[in-house]
Amino acid sequence: MCEVRHSPRSLLSADELPWRVPDRTREPPIERARPIPASADLLARASDESGGLVVDGRRLSIDARLQRALTDILRQYETPYAAVVALEPATGRVLAMAEHSQTRPELRGLCTQAVFPAASIFKIVTAAALLDEGVSPEDVACYHGGKRRLSEKLLMDSEKDRRCVDFSAALAESANVVFAKLTHRYLSSAKLADFAGRFGFNRPLPFAVPTDVSLAAIPEEPFELARAGAGFGDVYLSPLLRAQGRAQGGGGRGGGERGGMAHSGHVARARGDAAQALGPLVSRGRSSPARRRRTSGRT
């Protein structure tokens, strides 16, 4: 995976990607995960001082108690590979970056490595692109099958399509066939790739430690494009990008870079090396207990 420590460039199209997107069935990226360099492992280098984590004389935004609690849970369940990122939605401050690998205990840096399949999480990207194309939350689609796999014949309307749901319910229920059908009818490869970029895929994510690019292969072939839109494609993301997307929320339809969830730099406006980049991660006073926290975990 490619490590990135600089500001994001402009959106990269699928044919311009300098990184090869691996096949999740033949070469799952998790098998090639590697520990981050010790010099970049801020949490491993941090000391717990008065309930806060401090590294190189500066206090991190990490909530030490939350960090320990999440790490303990992952260890108790002996998760083969797991990572949880918690952000404060109002500010984008990182509150926890917990991880554990029972399979490879030496592995560090899972929170920023894009080795986890996005799967149905990618339906959020597809939904945004469909809304931008004029599909309404109240539009109804009928379908059958497709719970675990898709076939080309499922993309065509059939007398067997006896279950009907509106678009909003299809998203809530993660209805694979509905998303495949709508992708097939309304979206081009370029359109879906554009919205993948708006949500932070296929572009660097600046952060205080080396962070993988979350890769999304958007095929040109119609059936493979429909599969990708339904969450069956070769798409990988880091827990950091996933948490950022949940915390940011949508920016409205057709709003350019602000029309998707990924506003790079809000989570961490990092500049320079890791030590200098701690500024945005420095705690700005204790948060109000009433503030919401949202977490994102991948196992």
Protein backbone atom coordinates (compact mmCIF):
# COMPACT_ATOMS: atom_id res chain seq x y z
CA MET A 1 0.00 0.00 0.00
CA CYS A 2 1.12 3.54 -0.66
CA GLU A 3 1.94 5.71 2.34
CA VAL A 4 1.00 9.36 2.05
CA ARG A 5 2.11 12.28 4.18
CA HIS A 6 1.31 15.29 2.05
CA SER A 7 -1.67 17.35 1.04
CA PRO A 8 -4.23 15.78 -1.34
CA ARG A 9 -3.80 16.25 -5.04
CA SER A 10 -6.69 16.66 -7.44
CA LEU A 11 -9.03 13.72 -7.97
CA LEU A 12 -7.40 10.78 -9.74
CA SER A 13 -9.34 8.91 -12.41
CA ALA A 14 -9.26 5.14 -12.50
CA ASP A 15 -6.82 4.97 -15.42
CA GLU A 16 -4.47 7.48 -13.77
CA LEU A 17 -4.12 5.67 -10.44
CA PRO A 18 -0.45 5.03 -9.65
CA TRP A 19 -1.51 2.17 -7.37
CA ARG A 20 -2.78 -1.21 -8.51
CA VAL A 21 -6.03 -2.16 -6.78
CA PRO A 22 -5.72 -5.77 -5.56
CA ASP A 23 -8.32 -8.47 -6.14
CA ARG A 24 -9.97 -9.08 -2.78
CA THR A 25 -10.56 -12.80 -3.46
CA ARG A 26 -7.09 -13.65 -4.76
CA GLU A 27 -4.85 -11.22 -2.87
CA PRO A 28 -6.61 -9.70 0.15
CA PRO A 29 -4.61 -6.67 1.30
CA ILE A 30 -4.87 -7.63 4.97
CA GLU A 31 -2.34 -10.39 4.28
CA ARG A 32 0.20 -7.73 3.23
CA ALA A 33 -0.40 -5.37 6.14
CA ARG A 34 2.84 -4.23 7.77
CA PRO A 35 3.76 -2.37 10.95
CA ILE A 36 4.24 1.37 10.58
CA PRO A 37 7.74 2.72 11.30
CA ALA A 38 8.45 3.16 15.00
CA SER A 39 9.23 6.84 14.46
CA ALA A 40 5.72 7.39 13.06
CA ASP A 41 3.92 5.38 15.75
CA LEU A 42 2.83 8.34 17.87
CA LEU A 43 0.65 6.32 20.24
CA ALA A 44 3.44 3.83 20.99
CA ARG A 45 5.82 6.71 21.73
CA ALA A 46 3.33 8.68 23.82
CA SER A 47 3.43 8.79 27.62
CA ASP A 48 0.35 8.99 29.83
CA GLU A 49 0.57 12.19 31.84
CA SER A 50 -2.32 13.34 34.04
CA GLY A 51 -4.89 11.40 32.03
CA GLY A 52 -3.63 12.62 28.65
CA LEU A 53 -1.20 11.23 26.10
CA VAL A 54 1.88 13.33 25.41
CA VAL A 55 4.50 12.86 22.70
CA ASP A 56 7.49 15.11 22.04
CA GLY A 57 6.23 17.49 24.71
CA ARG A 58 2.82 18.01 23.11
CA ARG A 59 -0.54 16.67 24.24
CA LEU A 60 -2.52 14.55 21.80
CA SER A 61 -6.28 14.80 21.38
CA ILE A 62 -6.53 11.09 22.22
CA ASP A 63 -8.78 10.28 25.19
CA ALA A 64 -6.52 7.92 27.15
CA ARG A 65 -9.37 6.17 28.97
CA LEU A 66 -11.35 5.63 25.77
CA GLN A 67 -8.22 4.41 24.01
CA ARG A 68 -7.51 1.85 26.75
CA ALA A 69 -11.12 0.67 26.92
CA LEU A 70 -11.40 0.06 23.19
CA THR A 71 -8.04 -1.68 23.04
CA ASP A 72 -9.02 -3.93 25.95
CA ILE A 73 -12.25 -4.92 24.22
CA LEU A 74 -10.42 -5.89 21.05
CA ARG A 75 -7.91 -7.93 23.04
CA GLN A 76 -10.61 -9.67 25.07
CA TYR A 77 -12.34 -10.82 21.91
CA GLU A 78 -9.00 -11.94 20.42
CA THR A 79 -9.82 -10.28 17.12
CA PRO A 80 -7.63 -11.58 14.26
CA TYR A 81 -7.39 -8.04 12.80
CA ALA A 82 -9.36 -5.10 14.15
CA ALA A 83 -9.17 -1.33 14.39
CA VAL A 84 -11.45 1.36 15.80
CA VAL A 85 -11.21 5.10 15.20
CA ALA A 86 -13.32 7.51 17.26
CA LEU A 87 -13.76 11.13 16.21
CA GLU A 88 -15.50 14.12 17.73
CA PRO A 89 -17.96 15.07 14.95
CA ALA A 90 -18.14 18.76 15.86
CA THR A 91 -14.38 19.31 15.53
CA GLY A 92 -12.94 16.26 13.75
CA ARG A 93 -10.55 15.69 16.65
CA VAL A 94 -9.29 12.11 16.90
CA LEU A 95 -10.31 10.69 20.28
CA ALA A 96 -9.11 7.11 19.88
CA MET A 97 -7.17 4.92 17.46
CA ALA A 98 -7.37 1.44 18.95
CA GLU A 99 -6.20 -1.73 17.26
CA HIS A 100 -5.34 -5.37 17.92
CA SER A 101 -4.27 -8.36 15.88
CA GLN A 102 -4.38 -11.75 17.55
CA THR A 103 -2.99 -13.25 14.36
CA ARG A 104 -0.03 -10.88 14.13
CA PRO A 105 0.54 -9.24 17.53
CA GLU A 106 3.46 -7.20 16.20
CA LEU A 107 1.26 -5.41 13.67
CA ARG A 108 0.79 -1.69 14.29
CA GLY A 109 -0.93 1.02 12.29
CA LEU A 110 -4.13 -0.77 11.25
CA CYS A 111 -6.19 2.39 11.83
CA THR A 112 -4.51 4.13 8.91
CA GLN A 113 -4.00 1.17 6.57
CA ALA A 114 -6.51 0.63 3.78
CA VAL A 115 -6.60 -3.15 4.07
CA PHE A 116 -10.27 -3.62 4.94
CA PRO A 117 -12.90 -4.27 2.23
CA ALA A 118 -15.43 -1.46 2.06
CA ALA A 119 -18.18 -3.90 1.00
CA SER A 120 -21.65 -2.42 1.60
CA ILE A 121 -20.19 0.76 3.10
CA PHE A 122 -19.62 1.73 -0.53
CA LYS A 123 -23.38 1.87 -1.03
CA ILE A 124 -23.23 5.29 0.65
CA VAL A 125 -21.05 6.54 -2.22
CA THR A 126 -23.38 4.95 -4.78
CA ALA A 127 -26.43 6.47 -3.08
CA ALA A 128 -24.92 9.95 -3.24
CA ALA A 129 -24.16 9.54 -6.95
CA LEU A 130 -27.71 8.30 -7.62
CA LEU A 131 -29.24 11.22 -5.75
CA ASP A 132 -27.12 13.56 -7.83
CA GLU A 133 -28.51 11.86 -10.95
CA GLY A 134 -32.05 12.65 -9.83
CA VAL A 135 -33.08 9.41 -8.15
CA SER A 136 -35.49 10.28 -5.33
CA PRO A 137 -35.52 8.65 -1.88
CA GLU A 138 -39.16 7.81 -2.59
CA ASP A 139 -38.47 6.05 -5.93
CA VAL A 140 -39.48 2.39 -5.74
CA ALA A 141 -37.60 -0.58 -7.17
CA CYS A 142 -38.65 -4.24 -7.14
CA TYR A 143 -36.26 -7.17 -6.96
CA HIS A 144 -35.61 -10.73 -5.90
CA GLY A 145 -32.53 -12.65 -4.75
CA GLY A 146 -29.04 -11.23 -4.53
CA LYS A 147 -28.51 -11.58 -0.81
CA ARG A 148 -24.97 -12.92 -1.16
CA ARG A 149 -24.20 -12.83 -4.88
CA LEU A 150 -25.29 -11.07 -8.04
CA SER A 151 -25.92 -12.25 -11.58
CA GLU A 152 -26.59 -10.29 -14.75
CA LYS A 153 -30.16 -11.55 -15.02
CA LEU A 154 -30.98 -9.94 -11.65
CA LEU A 155 -30.38 -6.54 -13.24
CA MET A 156 -33.40 -7.02 -15.51
CA ASP A 157 -36.98 -6.57 -14.27
CA SER A 158 -38.72 -9.90 -13.84
CA GLU A 159 -42.02 -11.40 -12.74
CA LYS A 160 -40.04 -12.83 -9.85
CA ASP A 161 -39.45 -9.30 -8.52
CA ARG A 162 -42.04 -9.47 -5.78
CA ARG A 163 -40.29 -7.42 -3.13
CA CYS A 164 -40.51 -3.67 -3.66
CA VAL A 165 -38.79 -0.97 -1.58
CA ASP A 166 -38.18 2.73 -1.98
CA PHE A 167 -34.64 3.98 -2.39
CA SER A 168 -34.22 5.11 1.21
CA ALA A 169 -35.35 1.69 2.48
CA ALA A 170 -33.01 -0.01 0.01
CA LEU A 171 -30.10 1.85 1.58
CA ALA A 172 -31.27 1.10 5.11
CA GLU A 173 -31.66 -2.60 4.26
CA SER A 174 -28.52 -2.74 2.11
CA ALA A 175 -30.53 -4.24 -0.76
CA ASN A 176 -27.85 -5.49 -3.12
CA VAL A 177 -30.00 -6.01 -6.21
CA VAL A 178 -31.66 -2.59 -5.95
CA PHE A 179 -28.27 -0.86 -5.86
CA ALA A 180 -26.99 -3.00 -8.71
CA LYS A 181 -30.09 -2.22 -10.81
CA LEU A 182 -29.96 1.51 -10.16
CA THR A 183 -26.22 1.66 -10.83
CA HIS A 184 -26.78 -0.19 -14.11
CA ARG A 185 -29.58 2.18 -15.16
CA TYR A 186 -28.30 5.56 -14.07
CA LEU A 187 -24.55 5.64 -13.39
CA SER A 188 -21.50 5.69 -15.61
CA SER A 189 -18.08 4.55 -14.46
CA ALA A 190 -16.92 8.19 -14.53
CA LYS A 191 -19.84 9.31 -12.35
CA LEU A 192 -19.25 6.66 -9.70
CA ALA A 193 -15.51 7.29 -9.74
CA ASP A 194 -16.16 11.01 -9.27
CA PHE A 195 -18.25 10.40 -6.16
CA ALA A 196 -15.76 7.85 -4.83
CA GLY A 197 -13.19 10.65 -4.99
CA ARG A 198 -15.52 13.05 -3.18
CA PHE A 199 -15.76 10.55 -0.36
CA GLY A 200 -11.97 10.30 -0.08
CA PHE A 201 -11.19 7.24 -2.21
CA ASN A 202 -8.28 7.19 -4.67
CA ARG A 203 -6.70 10.30 -3.20
CA PRO A 204 -4.24 10.98 -0.39
CA LEU A 205 -5.66 11.70 3.07
CA PRO A 206 -3.36 14.08 4.99
CA PHE A 207 -2.79 13.02 8.56
CA ALA A 208 -0.14 13.19 11.27
CA VAL A 209 1.09 9.65 10.60
CA PRO A 210 1.62 7.77 7.30
CA THR A 211 -1.83 6.98 5.90
CA ASP A 212 -2.77 4.67 3.05
CA VAL A 213 -4.78 5.79 0.08
CA SER A 214 -8.18 4.06 0.24
CA LEU A 215 -8.48 2.42 -3.16
CA ALA A 216 -11.62 1.88 -5.22
CA ALA A 217 -11.57 0.10 -8.58
CA ILE A 218 -14.48 1.41 -10.66
CA PRO A 219 -14.92 -0.86 -13.71
CA GLU A 220 -16.10 0.20 -17.16
CA GLU A 221 -17.82 -3.11 -17.95
CA PRO A 222 -21.56 -2.69 -17.17
CA PHE A 223 -22.12 -5.75 -14.98
CA GLU A 224 -18.90 -5.24 -13.03
CA LEU A 225 -19.84 -1.59 -12.55
CA ALA A 226 -23.23 -2.67 -11.18
CA ARG A 227 -21.48 -5.06 -8.78
CA ALA A 228 -19.17 -2.30 -7.60
CA GLY A 229 -22.12 0.04 -7.00
CA ALA A 230 -23.72 -2.65 -4.84
CA GLY A 231 -20.59 -3.11 -2.73
CA PHE A 232 -19.15 -6.19 -4.45
CA GLY A 233 -16.17 -4.45 -6.04
CA ASP A 234 -12.49 -4.26 -5.19
CA VAL A 235 -12.73 -1.33 -2.81
CA TYR A 236 -10.67 -0.90 0.36
CA LEU A 237 -10.64 1.74 3.04
CA SER A 238 -8.84 2.62 6.23
CA PRO A 239 -10.79 2.87 9.51
CA LEU A 240 -9.64 6.50 9.64
CA LEU A 241 -11.39 7.34 6.35
CA ARG A 242 -14.48 5.42 7.44
CA ALA A 243 -14.70 7.32 10.73
CA GLN A 244 -14.09 10.62 8.98
CA GLY A 245 -16.96 9.94 6.60
CA ARG A 246 -19.37 9.13 9.44
CA ALA A 247 -18.37 12.21 11.41
CA GLN A 248 -18.48 14.67 8.52
CA GLY A 249 -21.90 13.93 7.04
CA GLY A 250 -23.01 14.88 3.54
CA GLY A 251 -22.52 18.34 2.16
CA GLY A 252 -25.53 18.44 -0.17
CA ARG A 253 -26.14 17.47 -3.75
CA GLY A 254 -23.84 18.53 -6.53
CA GLY A 255 -21.61 20.57 -4.26
CA GLY A 256 -18.27 19.74 -5.80
CA GLU A 257 -15.73 18.68 -3.22
CA ARG A 258 -18.16 19.59 -0.47
CA GLY A 259 -20.88 17.49 -2.03
CA GLY A 260 -19.47 14.32 -0.47
CA MET A 261 -18.35 13.31 2.98
CA ALA A 262 -14.59 13.55 2.75
CA HIS A 263 -13.33 17.05 3.50
CA SER A 264 -9.62 16.28 3.74
CA GLY A 265 -7.85 18.35 6.35
CA HIS A 266 -10.76 18.57 8.78
CA VAL A 267 -9.64 15.45 10.62
CA ALA A 268 -6.02 16.65 10.65
CA ARG A 269 -4.58 19.63 8.85
CA ALA A 270 -1.13 18.13 9.06
CA ARG A 271 1.92 19.88 7.69
CA GLY A 272 5.49 18.69 7.73
CA ASP A 273 6.78 15.73 9.69
CA ALA A 274 4.87 13.80 12.33
CA ALA A 275 6.17 15.83 15.25
CA GLN A 276 5.22 19.13 13.62
CA ALA A 277 1.85 17.76 12.57
CA LEU A 278 0.60 17.26 16.10
CA GLY A 279 -1.01 20.69 16.26
CA PRO A 280 -4.47 19.68 14.97
CA LEU A 281 -4.38 16.64 17.24
CA VAL A 282 -3.59 18.65 20.35
CA SER A 283 -6.43 18.75 22.83
CA ARG A 284 -8.22 22.11 23.02
CA GLY A 285 -9.49 21.60 26.51
CA ARG A 286 -11.70 18.82 27.78
CA SER A 287 -14.79 18.14 25.71
CA SER A 288 -18.28 18.49 27.06
CA PRO A 289 -19.67 15.06 28.08
CA ALA A 290 -22.80 15.93 26.10
CA ARG A 291 -20.93 15.94 22.79
CA ARG A 292 -21.66 12.96 20.59
CA ARG A 293 -18.99 10.45 19.68
CA ARG A 294 -19.14 8.27 16.64
CA THR A 295 -16.96 5.24 16.18
CA SER A 296 -16.00 3.17 13.22
CA GLY A 297 -14.51 -0.28 13.52
CA ARG A 298 -13.44 -2.86 10.96
CA THR A 299 -12.72 -6.46 11.87
